[in-house]
Amino acid sequence: MADPSSVSIVVPAFNEEPAIGRLVQALRAGGAWREIIVVDDGSSDATAERAREAGAQALATACPLCQVNLEMRQPQADKMPAFYFTELLGLAFGLPDASKWWSKHLIDPRPVLRQAGLVN
């Protein structure tokens, strides 16, 4: 069995406001995972807010337009960055230009990436 601190959990979500908070909390209580990634594909409800309340630090989506919408539509307080999934793949594969897109975010993703030990 893998060491939980080396495991990333990916949770796909679309309009999961009623359940996502409980799910993230249950996962956090179940182990010291490296990270829990909520992949929100442009939900029209408060999925992102419930994920944040449960301890999520960032969102990921497979849709570039959804990525911008997720960052733009968040309430003013406690905004968290939303990543387009391929940005995270570029980072994971060590592509040299992966960081070029971060300045285009509406919410600066670098503090979250630094906190996770993914960038300097």
PDB file of N, CA and C in Angstrom:
ATOM      1  N   MET A   1       0.846  -1.186   0.000  1.00  0.00           N
ATOM      2  CA  MET A   1       0.000   0.000   0.000  1.00  0.00           C
ATOM      3  C   MET A   1       0.883   1.237   0.000  1.00  0.00           C
ATOM      4  N   ALA A   2       0.504   2.221  -0.773  1.00  0.00           N
ATOM      5  CA  ALA A   2       1.275   3.462  -0.894  1.00  0.00           C
ATOM      6  C   ALA A   2       1.179   4.299   0.379  1.00  0.00           C
ATOM      7  N   ASP A   3       2.230   5.036   0.641  1.00  0.00           N
ATOM      8  CA  ASP A   3       2.240   5.983   1.745  1.00  0.00           C
ATOM      9  C   ASP A   3       1.258   7.102   1.394  1.00  0.00           C
ATOM     10  N   PRO A   4       0.242   7.356   2.234  1.00  0.00           N
ATOM     11  CA  PRO A   4      -0.754   8.386   1.905  1.00  0.00           C
ATOM     12  C   PRO A   4      -0.144   9.753   1.592  1.00  0.00           C
ATOM     13  N   SER A   5       0.980  10.091   2.188  1.00  0.00           N
ATOM     14  CA  SER A   5       1.575  11.407   1.923  1.00  0.00           C
ATOM     15  C   SER A   5       2.141  11.515   0.517  1.00  0.00           C
ATOM     16  N   SER A   6       2.181  10.391  -0.220  1.00  0.00           N
ATOM     17  CA  SER A   6       2.648  10.431  -1.602  1.00  0.00           C
ATOM     18  C   SER A   6       1.492  10.279  -2.593  1.00  0.00           C
ATOM     19  N   VAL A   7       0.254  10.285  -2.086  1.00  0.00           N
ATOM     20  CA  VAL A   7      -0.917  10.049  -2.934  1.00  0.00           C
ATOM     21  C   VAL A   7      -1.717  11.334  -3.113  1.00  0.00           C
ATOM     22  N   SER A   8      -2.026  11.649  -4.365  1.00  0.00           N
ATOM     23  CA  SER A   8      -2.935  12.745  -4.697  1.00  0.00           C
ATOM     24  C   SER A   8      -4.287  12.146  -5.043  1.00  0.00           C
ATOM     25  N   ILE A   9      -5.336  12.707  -4.488  1.00  0.00           N
ATOM     26  CA  ILE A   9      -6.691  12.241  -4.776  1.00  0.00           C
ATOM     27  C   ILE A   9      -7.355  13.262  -5.691  1.00  0.00           C
ATOM     28  N   VAL A  10      -7.915  12.789  -6.795  1.00  0.00           N
ATOM     29  CA  VAL A  10      -8.595  13.655  -7.759  1.00  0.00           C
ATOM     30  C   VAL A  10     -10.089  13.350  -7.700  1.00  0.00           C
ATOM     31  N   VAL A  11     -10.880  14.404  -7.445  1.00  0.00           N
ATOM     32  CA  VAL A  11     -12.328  14.253  -7.317  1.00  0.00           C
ATOM     33  C   VAL A  11     -13.014  15.066  -8.413  1.00  0.00           C
ATOM     34  N   PRO A  12     -13.606  14.409  -9.420  1.00  0.00           N
ATOM     35  CA  PRO A  12     -14.364  15.153 -10.429  1.00  0.00           C
ATOM     36  C   PRO A  12     -15.673  15.652  -9.826  1.00  0.00           C
ATOM     37  N   ALA A  13     -16.065  16.877 -10.160  1.00  0.00           N
ATOM     38  CA  ALA A  13     -17.292  17.439  -9.593  1.00  0.00           C
ATOM     39  C   ALA A  13     -17.980  18.343 -10.603  1.00  0.00           C
ATOM     40  N   PHE A  14     -19.274  18.219 -10.695  1.00  0.00           N
ATOM     41  CA  PHE A  14     -20.093  19.124 -11.503  1.00  0.00           C
ATOM     42  C   PHE A  14     -21.421  19.302 -10.781  1.00  0.00           C
ATOM     43  N   ASN A  15     -21.661  20.511 -10.318  1.00  0.00           N
ATOM     44  CA  ASN A  15     -22.872  20.830  -9.554  1.00  0.00           C
ATOM     45  C   ASN A  15     -23.068  19.872  -8.380  1.00  0.00           C
ATOM     46  N   GLU A  16     -22.034  19.756  -7.569  1.00  0.00           N
ATOM     47  CA  GLU A  16     -22.037  18.857  -6.414  1.00  0.00           C
ATOM     48  C   GLU A  16     -22.073  19.624  -5.088  1.00  0.00           C
ATOM     49  N   GLU A  17     -22.679  20.795  -5.095  1.00  0.00           N
ATOM     50  CA  GLU A  17     -22.743  21.618  -3.881  1.00  0.00           C
ATOM     51  C   GLU A  17     -23.204  20.847  -2.647  1.00  0.00           C
ATOM     52  N   PRO A  18     -24.267  20.039  -2.718  1.00  0.00           N
ATOM     53  CA  PRO A  18     -24.731  19.366  -1.499  1.00  0.00           C
ATOM     54  C   PRO A  18     -23.743  18.343  -0.932  1.00  0.00           C
ATOM     55  N   ALA A  19     -22.882  17.779  -1.771  1.00  0.00           N
ATOM     56  CA  ALA A  19     -22.057  16.654  -1.320  1.00  0.00           C
ATOM     57  C   ALA A  19     -20.561  16.929  -1.236  1.00  0.00           C
ATOM     58  N   ILE A  20     -20.043  17.897  -1.985  1.00  0.00           N
ATOM     59  CA  ILE A  20     -18.585  18.020  -2.116  1.00  0.00           C
ATOM     60  C   ILE A  20     -17.899  18.346  -0.793  1.00  0.00           C
ATOM     61  N   GLY A  21     -18.492  19.173   0.016  1.00  0.00           N
ATOM     62  CA  GLY A  21     -17.879  19.515   1.307  1.00  0.00           C
ATOM     63  C   GLY A  21     -17.717  18.302   2.204  1.00  0.00           C
ATOM     64  N   ARG A  22     -18.775  17.521   2.327  1.00  0.00           N
ATOM     65  CA  ARG A  22     -18.714  16.305   3.153  1.00  0.00           C
ATOM     66  C   ARG A  22     -17.683  15.323   2.604  1.00  0.00           C
ATOM     67  N   LEU A  23     -17.625  15.202   1.282  1.00  0.00           N
ATOM     68  CA  LEU A  23     -16.680  14.274   0.673  1.00  0.00           C
ATOM     69  C   LEU A  23     -15.237  14.703   0.945  1.00  0.00           C
ATOM     70  N   VAL A  24     -14.932  15.965   0.742  1.00  0.00           N
ATOM     71  CA  VAL A  24     -13.564  16.446   0.986  1.00  0.00           C
ATOM     72  C   VAL A  24     -13.202  16.291   2.458  1.00  0.00           C
ATOM     73  N   GLN A  25     -14.121  16.611   3.351  1.00  0.00           N
ATOM     74  CA  GLN A  25     -13.851  16.444   4.782  1.00  0.00           C
ATOM     75  C   GLN A  25     -13.600  14.984   5.127  1.00  0.00           C
ATOM     76  N   ALA A  26     -14.398  14.072   4.571  1.00  0.00           N
ATOM     77  CA  ALA A  26     -14.221  12.649   4.848  1.00  0.00           C
ATOM     78  C   ALA A  26     -12.874  12.159   4.311  1.00  0.00           C
ATOM     79  N   LEU A  27     -12.493  12.618   3.125  1.00  0.00           N
ATOM     80  CA  LEU A  27     -11.200  12.229   2.577  1.00  0.00           C
ATOM     81  C   LEU A  27     -10.058  12.755   3.439  1.00  0.00           C
ATOM     82  N   ARG A  28     -10.162  14.013   3.878  1.00  0.00           N
ATOM     83  CA  ARG A  28      -9.114  14.598   4.732  1.00  0.00           C
ATOM     84  C   ARG A  28      -8.989  13.828   6.045  1.00  0.00           C
ATOM     85  N   ALA A  29     -10.107  13.392   6.582  1.00  0.00           N
ATOM     86  CA  ALA A  29     -10.088  12.636   7.839  1.00  0.00           C
ATOM     87  C   ALA A  29      -9.564  11.215   7.639  1.00  0.00           C
ATOM     88  N   GLY A  30      -9.619  10.719   6.412  1.00  0.00           N
ATOM     89  CA  GLY A  30      -9.237   9.345   6.140  1.00  0.00           C
ATOM     90  C   GLY A  30      -7.754   9.099   5.961  1.00  0.00           C
ATOM     91  N   GLY A  31      -6.974  10.147   5.834  1.00  0.00           N
ATOM     92  CA  GLY A  31      -5.542   9.945   5.646  1.00  0.00           C
ATOM     93  C   GLY A  31      -4.812  11.262   5.440  1.00  0.00           C
ATOM     94  N   ALA A  32      -3.500  11.206   5.574  1.00  0.00           N
ATOM     95  CA  ALA A  32      -2.663  12.400   5.380  1.00  0.00           C
ATOM     96  C   ALA A  32      -2.220  12.439   3.918  1.00  0.00           C
ATOM     97  N   TRP A  33      -3.183  12.607   3.003  1.00  0.00           N
ATOM     98  CA  TRP A  33      -2.915  12.617   1.578  1.00  0.00           C
ATOM     99  C   TRP A  33      -2.035  13.796   1.191  1.00  0.00           C
ATOM    100  N   ARG A  34      -1.270  13.618   0.135  1.00  0.00           N
ATOM    101  CA  ARG A  34      -0.442  14.725  -0.368  1.00  0.00           C
ATOM    102  C   ARG A  34      -1.334  15.907  -0.718  1.00  0.00           C
ATOM    103  N   GLU A  35      -2.427  15.619  -1.408  1.00  0.00           N
ATOM    104  CA  GLU A  35      -3.357  16.675  -1.794  1.00  0.00           C
ATOM    105  C   GLU A  35      -4.673  16.046  -2.222  1.00  0.00           C
ATOM    106  N   ILE A  36      -5.712  16.856  -2.155  1.00  0.00           N
ATOM    107  CA  ILE A  36      -7.017  16.473  -2.673  1.00  0.00           C
ATOM    108  C   ILE A  36      -7.372  17.526  -3.713  1.00  0.00           C
ATOM    109  N   ILE A  37      -7.507  17.099  -4.957  1.00  0.00           N
ATOM    110  CA  ILE A  37      -7.783  18.022  -6.057  1.00  0.00           C
ATOM    111  C   ILE A  37      -9.239  17.860  -6.461  1.00  0.00           C
ATOM    112  N   VAL A  38      -9.996  18.951  -6.385  1.00  0.00           N
ATOM    113  CA  VAL A  38     -11.379  18.956  -6.838  1.00  0.00           C
ATOM    114  C   VAL A  38     -11.369  19.490  -8.270  1.00  0.00           C
ATOM    115  N   VAL A  39     -11.775  18.667  -9.218  1.00  0.00           N
ATOM    116  CA  VAL A  39     -11.839  19.073 -10.619  1.00  0.00           C
ATOM    117  C   VAL A  39     -13.279  19.498 -10.888  1.00  0.00           C
ATOM    118  N   ASP A  40     -13.493  20.799 -10.897  1.00  0.00           N
ATOM    119  CA  ASP A  40     -14.828  21.374 -11.088  1.00  0.00           C
ATOM    120  C   ASP A  40     -14.941  21.805 -12.545  1.00  0.00           C
ATOM    121  N   ASP A  41     -15.846  21.202 -13.267  1.00  0.00           N
ATOM    122  CA  ASP A  41     -15.967  21.485 -14.697  1.00  0.00           C
ATOM    123  C   ASP A  41     -16.996  22.572 -14.959  1.00  0.00           C
ATOM    124  N   GLY A  42     -16.866  23.694 -14.258  1.00  0.00           N
ATOM    125  CA  GLY A  42     -17.730  24.841 -14.513  1.00  0.00           C
ATOM    126  C   GLY A  42     -19.096  24.744 -13.869  1.00  0.00           C
ATOM    127  N   SER A  43     -19.164  24.245 -12.658  1.00  0.00           N
ATOM    128  CA  SER A  43     -20.445  24.125 -11.960  1.00  0.00           C
ATOM    129  C   SER A  43     -21.159  25.465 -11.885  1.00  0.00           C
ATOM    130  N   SER A  44     -22.480  25.422 -11.974  1.00  0.00           N
ATOM    131  CA  SER A  44     -23.269  26.653 -11.871  1.00  0.00           C
ATOM    132  C   SER A  44     -23.800  26.859 -10.456  1.00  0.00           C
ATOM    133  N   ASP A  45     -23.487  25.954  -9.549  1.00  0.00           N
ATOM    134  CA  ASP A  45     -23.911  26.099  -8.153  1.00  0.00           C
ATOM    135  C   ASP A  45     -22.694  26.498  -7.310  1.00  0.00           C
ATOM    136  N   ALA A  46     -22.749  26.288  -6.031  1.00  0.00           N
ATOM    137  CA  ALA A  46     -21.675  26.705  -5.123  1.00  0.00           C
ATOM    138  C   ALA A  46     -20.702  25.567  -4.814  1.00  0.00           C
ATOM    139  N   THR A  47     -20.436  24.699  -5.789  1.00  0.00           N
ATOM    140  CA  THR A  47     -19.491  23.598  -5.585  1.00  0.00           C
ATOM    141  C   THR A  47     -18.136  24.123  -5.131  1.00  0.00           C
ATOM    142  N   ALA A  48     -17.613  25.140  -5.798  1.00  0.00           N
ATOM    143  CA  ALA A  48     -16.291  25.686  -5.457  1.00  0.00           C
ATOM    144  C   ALA A  48     -16.266  26.232  -4.029  1.00  0.00           C
ATOM    145  N   GLU A  49     -17.305  26.948  -3.634  1.00  0.00           N
ATOM    146  CA  GLU A  49     -17.348  27.516  -2.289  1.00  0.00           C
ATOM    147  C   GLU A  49     -17.382  26.421  -1.226  1.00  0.00           C
ATOM    148  N   ARG A  50     -18.182  25.364  -1.462  1.00  0.00           N
ATOM    149  CA  ARG A  50     -18.238  24.260  -0.494  1.00  0.00           C
ATOM    150  C   ARG A  50     -16.897  23.526  -0.425  1.00  0.00           C
ATOM    151  N   ALA A  51     -16.230  23.378  -1.557  1.00  0.00           N
ATOM    152  CA  ALA A  51     -14.912  22.735  -1.559  1.00  0.00           C
ATOM    153  C   ALA A  51     -13.921  23.575  -0.757  1.00  0.00           C
ATOM    154  N   ARG A  52     -13.951  24.895  -0.932  1.00  0.00           N
ATOM    155  CA  ARG A  52     -13.056  25.794  -0.188  1.00  0.00           C
ATOM    156  C   ARG A  52     -13.333  25.698   1.309  1.00  0.00           C
ATOM    157  N   GLU A  53     -14.592  25.713   1.683  1.00  0.00           N
ATOM    158  CA  GLU A  53     -14.959  25.615   3.100  1.00  0.00           C
ATOM    159  C   GLU A  53     -14.455  24.313   3.717  1.00  0.00           C
ATOM    160  N   ALA A  54     -14.358  23.266   2.909  1.00  0.00           N
ATOM    161  CA  ALA A  54     -13.898  21.962   3.402  1.00  0.00           C
ATOM    162  C   ALA A  54     -12.380  21.847   3.405  1.00  0.00           C
ATOM    163  N   GLY A  55     -11.688  22.884   2.919  1.00  0.00           N
ATOM    164  CA  GLY A  55     -10.230  22.882   2.972  1.00  0.00           C
ATOM    165  C   GLY A  55      -9.520  22.831   1.640  1.00  0.00           C
ATOM    166  N   ALA A  56     -10.246  22.879   0.537  1.00  0.00           N
ATOM    167  CA  ALA A  56      -9.593  22.905  -0.771  1.00  0.00           C
ATOM    168  C   ALA A  56      -8.811  24.212  -0.916  1.00  0.00           C
ATOM    169  N   GLN A  57      -7.664  24.133  -1.582  1.00  0.00           N
ATOM    170  CA  GLN A  57      -6.830  25.314  -1.791  1.00  0.00           C
ATOM    171  C   GLN A  57      -6.826  25.771  -3.236  1.00  0.00           C
ATOM    172  N   ALA A  58      -7.269  24.924  -4.139  1.00  0.00           N
ATOM    173  CA  ALA A  58      -7.313  25.258  -5.554  1.00  0.00           C
ATOM    174  C   ALA A  58      -8.318  24.345  -6.240  1.00  0.00           C
ATOM    175  N   LEU A  59      -8.716  24.748  -7.428  1.00  0.00           N
ATOM    176  CA  LEU A  59      -9.613  23.961  -8.251  1.00  0.00           C
ATOM    177  C   LEU A  59      -8.905  23.624  -9.553  1.00  0.00           C
ATOM    178  N   ALA A  60      -9.345  22.580 -10.214  1.00  0.00           N
ATOM    179  CA  ALA A  60      -8.827  22.241 -11.530  1.00  0.00           C
ATOM    180  C   ALA A  60     -10.009  21.946 -12.427  1.00  0.00           C
ATOM    181  N   THR A  61      -9.859  22.232 -13.693  1.00  0.00           N
ATOM    182  CA  THR A  61     -10.916  21.973 -14.657  1.00  0.00           C
ATOM    183  C   THR A  61     -10.312  21.526 -15.973  1.00  0.00           C
ATOM    184  N   ALA A  62     -11.089  20.793 -16.757  1.00  0.00           N
ATOM    185  CA  ALA A  62     -10.637  20.329 -18.064  1.00  0.00           C
ATOM    186  C   ALA A  62     -11.082  21.270 -19.178  1.00  0.00           C
ATOM    187  N   CYS A  63     -11.662  22.371 -18.820  1.00  0.00           N
ATOM    188  CA  CYS A  63     -12.213  23.323 -19.787  1.00  0.00           C
ATOM    189  C   CYS A  63     -11.553  24.687 -19.583  1.00  0.00           C
ATOM    190  N   PRO A  64     -10.852  25.230 -20.604  1.00  0.00           N
ATOM    191  CA  PRO A  64     -10.168  26.513 -20.405  1.00  0.00           C
ATOM    192  C   PRO A  64     -11.115  27.674 -20.104  1.00  0.00           C
ATOM    193  N   LEU A  65     -12.271  27.706 -20.720  1.00  0.00           N
ATOM    194  CA  LEU A  65     -13.230  28.767 -20.430  1.00  0.00           C
ATOM    195  C   LEU A  65     -13.767  28.628 -19.007  1.00  0.00           C
ATOM    196  N   CYS A  66     -13.978  27.386 -18.581  1.00  0.00           N
ATOM    197  CA  CYS A  66     -14.443  27.147 -17.208  1.00  0.00           C
ATOM    198  C   CYS A  66     -13.405  27.627 -16.198  1.00  0.00           C
ATOM    199  N   GLN A  67     -12.121  27.460 -16.518  1.00  0.00           N
ATOM    200  CA  GLN A  67     -11.048  27.899 -15.616  1.00  0.00           C
ATOM    201  C   GLN A  67     -11.178  29.392 -15.339  1.00  0.00           C
ATOM    202  N   VAL A  68     -11.371  30.170 -16.380  1.00  0.00           N
ATOM    203  CA  VAL A  68     -11.517  31.624 -16.211  1.00  0.00           C
ATOM    204  C   VAL A  68     -12.796  31.936 -15.443  1.00  0.00           C
ATOM    205  N   ASN A  69     -13.890  31.270 -15.798  1.00  0.00           N
ATOM    206  CA  ASN A  69     -15.159  31.513 -15.104  1.00  0.00           C
ATOM    207  C   ASN A  69     -15.077  31.164 -13.621  1.00  0.00           C
ATOM    208  N   LEU A  70     -14.393  30.050 -13.297  1.00  0.00           N
ATOM    209  CA  LEU A  70     -14.269  29.664 -11.892  1.00  0.00           C
ATOM    210  C   LEU A  70     -13.512  30.719 -11.096  1.00  0.00           C
ATOM    211  N   GLU A  71     -12.478  31.306 -11.679  1.00  0.00           N
ATOM    212  CA  GLU A  71     -11.743  32.353 -10.965  1.00  0.00           C
ATOM    213  C   GLU A  71     -12.556  33.642 -10.900  1.00  0.00           C
ATOM    214  N   MET A  72     -13.246  33.968 -11.967  1.00  0.00           N
ATOM    215  CA  MET A  72     -13.967  35.234 -12.051  1.00  0.00           C
ATOM    216  C   MET A  72     -15.202  35.271 -11.151  1.00  0.00           C
ATOM    217  N   ARG A  73     -15.902  34.139 -11.003  1.00  0.00           N
ATOM    218  CA  ARG A  73     -17.176  34.130 -10.294  1.00  0.00           C
ATOM    219  C   ARG A  73     -17.076  33.879  -8.800  1.00  0.00           C
ATOM    220  N   GLN A  74     -15.878  33.740  -8.274  1.00  0.00           N
ATOM    221  CA  GLN A  74     -15.754  33.469  -6.837  1.00  0.00           C
ATOM    222  C   GLN A  74     -16.057  34.725  -6.028  1.00  0.00           C
ATOM    223  N   PRO A  75     -16.587  34.534  -4.828  1.00  0.00           N
ATOM    224  CA  PRO A  75     -16.791  35.688  -3.947  1.00  0.00           C
ATOM    225  C   PRO A  75     -15.452  36.365  -3.659  1.00  0.00           C
ATOM    226  N   GLN A  76     -15.485  37.624  -3.289  1.00  0.00           N
ATOM    227  CA  GLN A  76     -14.260  38.402  -3.080  1.00  0.00           C
ATOM    228  C   GLN A  76     -13.350  37.828  -2.003  1.00  0.00           C
ATOM    229  N   ALA A  77     -13.905  37.353  -0.924  1.00  0.00           N
ATOM    230  CA  ALA A  77     -13.078  36.840   0.176  1.00  0.00           C
ATOM    231  C   ALA A  77     -12.590  35.424  -0.134  1.00  0.00           C
ATOM    232  N   ASP A  78     -11.380  35.139   0.282  1.00  0.00           N
ATOM    233  CA  ASP A  78     -10.820  33.780   0.197  1.00  0.00           C
ATOM    234  C   ASP A  78     -10.857  33.177  -1.202  1.00  0.00           C
ATOM    235  N   LYS A  79     -10.465  33.947  -2.191  1.00  0.00           N
ATOM    236  CA  LYS A  79     -10.427  33.407  -3.552  1.00  0.00           C
ATOM    237  C   LYS A  79      -9.324  32.372  -3.668  1.00  0.00           C
ATOM    238  N   MET A  80      -9.579  31.336  -4.456  1.00  0.00           N
ATOM    239  CA  MET A  80      -8.556  30.325  -4.697  1.00  0.00           C
ATOM    240  C   MET A  80      -8.383  30.159  -6.200  1.00  0.00           C
ATOM    241  N   PRO A  81      -7.162  29.865  -6.634  1.00  0.00           N
ATOM    242  CA  PRO A  81      -6.925  29.740  -8.072  1.00  0.00           C
ATOM    243  C   PRO A  81      -7.597  28.498  -8.649  1.00  0.00           C
ATOM    244  N   ALA A  82      -7.931  28.610  -9.919  1.00  0.00           N
ATOM    245  CA  ALA A  82      -8.452  27.470 -10.677  1.00  0.00           C
ATOM    246  C   ALA A  82      -7.439  27.175 -11.780  1.00  0.00           C
ATOM    247  N   PHE A  83      -7.060  25.927 -11.900  1.00  0.00           N
ATOM    248  CA  PHE A  83      -6.083  25.529 -12.901  1.00  0.00           C
ATOM    249  C   PHE A  83      -6.768  24.827 -14.056  1.00  0.00           C
ATOM    250  N   TYR A  84      -6.323  25.126 -15.243  1.00  0.00           N
ATOM    251  CA  TYR A  84      -6.690  24.342 -16.409  1.00  0.00           C
ATOM    252  C   TYR A  84      -5.848  23.081 -16.289  1.00  0.00           C
ATOM    253  N   PHE A  85      -6.450  21.927 -16.432  1.00  0.00           N
ATOM    254  CA  PHE A  85      -5.808  20.650 -16.133  1.00  0.00           C
ATOM    255  C   PHE A  85      -4.448  20.491 -16.821  1.00  0.00           C
ATOM    256  N   THR A  86      -4.324  20.983 -18.045  1.00  0.00           N
ATOM    257  CA  THR A  86      -3.049  20.826 -18.750  1.00  0.00           C
ATOM    258  C   THR A  86      -1.936  21.661 -18.123  1.00  0.00           C
ATOM    259  N   GLU A  87      -2.283  22.728 -17.414  1.00  0.00           N
ATOM    260  CA  GLU A  87      -1.260  23.476 -16.670  1.00  0.00           C
ATOM    261  C   GLU A  87      -0.613  22.580 -15.625  1.00  0.00           C
ATOM    262  N   LEU A  88      -1.438  21.806 -14.939  1.00  0.00           N
ATOM    263  CA  LEU A  88      -0.924  20.901 -13.911  1.00  0.00           C
ATOM    264  C   LEU A  88      -0.122  19.768 -14.529  1.00  0.00           C
ATOM    265  N   LEU A  89      -0.546  19.294 -15.689  1.00  0.00           N
ATOM    266  CA  LEU A  89       0.227  18.263 -16.386  1.00  0.00           C
ATOM    267  C   LEU A  89       1.604  18.798 -16.773  1.00  0.00           C
ATOM    268  N   GLY A  90       1.651  20.025 -17.300  1.00  0.00           N
ATOM    269  CA  GLY A  90       2.931  20.634 -17.658  1.00  0.00           C
ATOM    270  C   GLY A  90       3.849  20.746 -16.463  1.00  0.00           C
ATOM    271  N   LEU A  91       3.294  21.117 -15.333  1.00  0.00           N
ATOM    272  CA  LEU A  91       4.072  21.213 -14.098  1.00  0.00           C
ATOM    273  C   LEU A  91       4.561  19.831 -13.660  1.00  0.00           C
ATOM    274  N   ALA A  92       3.669  18.844 -13.715  1.00  0.00           N
ATOM    275  CA  ALA A  92       4.031  17.486 -13.299  1.00  0.00           C
ATOM    276  C   ALA A  92       5.111  16.883 -14.201  1.00  0.00           C
ATOM    277  N   PHE A  93       5.059  17.200 -15.484  1.00  0.00           N
ATOM    278  CA  PHE A  93       6.047  16.659 -16.428  1.00  0.00           C
ATOM    279  C   PHE A  93       7.321  17.491 -16.485  1.00  0.00           C
ATOM    280  N   GLY A  94       7.358  18.580 -15.733  1.00  0.00           N
ATOM    281  CA  GLY A  94       8.562  19.399 -15.692  1.00  0.00           C
ATOM    282  C   GLY A  94       8.812  20.200 -16.956  1.00  0.00           C
ATOM    283  N   LEU A  95       7.760  20.546 -17.686  1.00  0.00           N
ATOM    284  CA  LEU A  95       7.943  21.336 -18.899  1.00  0.00           C
ATOM    285  C   LEU A  95       8.479  22.717 -18.540  1.00  0.00           C
ATOM    286  N   PRO A  96       9.496  23.190 -19.266  1.00  0.00           N
ATOM    287  CA  PRO A  96      10.148  24.448 -18.887  1.00  0.00           C
ATOM    288  C   PRO A  96       9.249  25.674 -18.992  1.00  0.00           C
ATOM    289  N   ASP A  97       8.233  25.657 -19.833  1.00  0.00           N
ATOM    290  CA  ASP A  97       7.379  26.833 -20.009  1.00  0.00           C
ATOM    291  C   ASP A  97       6.088  26.762 -19.199  1.00  0.00           C
ATOM    292  N   ALA A  98       5.980  25.814 -18.296  1.00  0.00           N
ATOM    293  CA  ALA A  98       4.740  25.629 -17.539  1.00  0.00           C
ATOM    294  C   ALA A  98       4.339  26.896 -16.777  1.00  0.00           C
ATOM    295  N   SER A  99       5.302  27.633 -16.290  1.00  0.00           N
ATOM    296  CA  SER A  99       4.995  28.806 -15.466  1.00  0.00           C
ATOM    297  C   SER A  99       4.553  30.023 -16.278  1.00  0.00           C
ATOM    298  N   LYS A 100       4.696  30.002 -17.583  1.00  0.00           N
ATOM    299  CA  LYS A 100       4.334  31.172 -18.404  1.00  0.00           C
ATOM    300  C   LYS A 100       2.850  31.521 -18.298  1.00  0.00           C
ATOM    301  N   TRP A 101       2.005  30.537 -18.040  1.00  0.00           N
ATOM    302  CA  TRP A 101       0.567  30.795 -18.004  1.00  0.00           C
ATOM    303  C   TRP A 101       0.092  31.370 -16.671  1.00  0.00           C
ATOM    304  N   TRP A 102       0.889  31.237 -15.630  1.00  0.00           N
ATOM    305  CA  TRP A 102       0.429  31.658 -14.311  1.00  0.00           C
ATOM    306  C   TRP A 102       0.125  33.141 -14.233  1.00  0.00           C
ATOM    307  N   SER A 103       0.841  33.971 -14.984  1.00  0.00           N
ATOM    308  CA  SER A 103       0.576  35.416 -14.947  1.00  0.00           C
ATOM    309  C   SER A 103      -0.746  35.766 -15.623  1.00  0.00           C
ATOM    310  N   LYS A 104      -1.312  34.854 -16.376  1.00  0.00           N
ATOM    311  CA  LYS A 104      -2.584  35.099 -17.058  1.00  0.00           C
ATOM    312  C   LYS A 104      -3.795  34.792 -16.167  1.00  0.00           C
ATOM    313  N   HIS A 105      -3.561  34.193 -15.021  1.00  0.00           N
ATOM    314  CA  HIS A 105      -4.651  33.882 -14.088  1.00  0.00           C
ATOM    315  C   HIS A 105      -5.218  35.168 -13.488  1.00  0.00           C
ATOM    316  N   LEU A 106      -6.491  35.131 -13.164  1.00  0.00           N
ATOM    317  CA  LEU A 106      -7.113  36.239 -12.441  1.00  0.00           C
ATOM    318  C   LEU A 106      -6.750  36.184 -10.962  1.00  0.00           C
ATOM    319  N   ILE A 107      -6.446  34.986 -10.471  1.00  0.00           N
ATOM    320  CA  ILE A 107      -6.024  34.772  -9.092  1.00  0.00           C
ATOM    321  C   ILE A 107      -4.642  34.128  -9.155  1.00  0.00           C
ATOM    322  N   ASP A 108      -3.657  34.763  -8.552  1.00  0.00           N
ATOM    323  CA  ASP A 108      -2.271  34.285  -8.632  1.00  0.00           C
ATOM    324  C   ASP A 108      -2.146  32.886  -8.029  1.00  0.00           C
ATOM    325  N   PRO A 109      -1.748  31.880  -8.830  1.00  0.00           N
ATOM    326  CA  PRO A 109      -1.647  30.517  -8.317  1.00  0.00           C
ATOM    327  C   PRO A 109      -0.319  30.225  -7.609  1.00  0.00           C
ATOM    328  N   ARG A 110       0.659  31.116  -7.728  1.00  0.00           N
ATOM    329  CA  ARG A 110       1.992  30.822  -7.195  1.00  0.00           C
ATOM    330  C   ARG A 110       2.028  30.580  -5.688  1.00  0.00           C
ATOM    331  N   PRO A 111       1.293  31.325  -4.863  1.00  0.00           N
ATOM    332  CA  PRO A 111       1.338  31.020  -3.417  1.00  0.00           C
ATOM    333  C   PRO A 111       0.879  29.594  -3.093  1.00  0.00           C
ATOM    334  N   VAL A 112      -0.152  29.108  -3.760  1.00  0.00           N
ATOM    335  CA  VAL A 112      -0.641  27.746  -3.512  1.00  0.00           C
ATOM    336  C   VAL A 112       0.408  26.730  -3.982  1.00  0.00           C
ATOM    337  N   LEU A 113       1.017  26.983  -5.133  1.00  0.00           N
ATOM    338  CA  LEU A 113       2.030  26.081  -5.659  1.00  0.00           C
ATOM    339  C   LEU A 113       3.267  26.045  -4.756  1.00  0.00           C
ATOM    340  N   ARG A 114       3.650  27.223  -4.216  1.00  0.00           N
ATOM    341  CA  ARG A 114       4.786  27.283  -3.295  1.00  0.00           C
ATOM    342  C   ARG A 114       4.468  26.508  -2.019  1.00  0.00           C
ATOM    343  N   GLN A 115       3.279  26.711  -1.484  1.00  0.00           N
ATOM    344  CA  GLN A 115       2.863  26.046  -0.251  1.00  0.00           C
ATOM    345  C   GLN A 115       2.870  24.519  -0.425  1.00  0.00           C
ATOM    346  N   ALA A 116       2.526  24.066  -1.625  1.00  0.00           N
ATOM    347  CA  ALA A 116       2.507  22.625  -1.903  1.00  0.00           C
ATOM    348  C   ALA A 116       3.898  22.092  -2.238  1.00  0.00           C
ATOM    349  N   GLY A 117       4.899  22.984  -2.285  1.00  0.00           N
ATOM    350  CA  GLY A 117       6.257  22.567  -2.587  1.00  0.00           C
ATOM    351  C   GLY A 117       6.486  22.231  -4.044  1.00  0.00           C
ATOM    352  N   LEU A 118       5.641  22.774  -4.921  1.00  0.00           N
ATOM    353  CA  LEU A 118       5.762  22.474  -6.345  1.00  0.00           C
ATOM    354  C   LEU A 118       6.625  23.466  -7.113  1.00  0.00           C
ATOM    355  N   VAL A 119       6.799  24.666  -6.567  1.00  0.00           N
ATOM    356  CA  VAL A 119       7.662  25.673  -7.183  1.00  0.00           C
ATOM    357  C   VAL A 119       8.413  26.412  -6.072  1.00  0.00           C
ATOM    358  N   ASN A 120       9.461  27.096  -6.470  1.00  0.00           N
ATOM    359  CA  ASN A 120      10.235  27.899  -5.493  1.00  0.00           C
ATOM    360  C   ASN A 120       9.647  29.284  -5.352  1.00  0.00           C
TER     361      ASN A 120
END
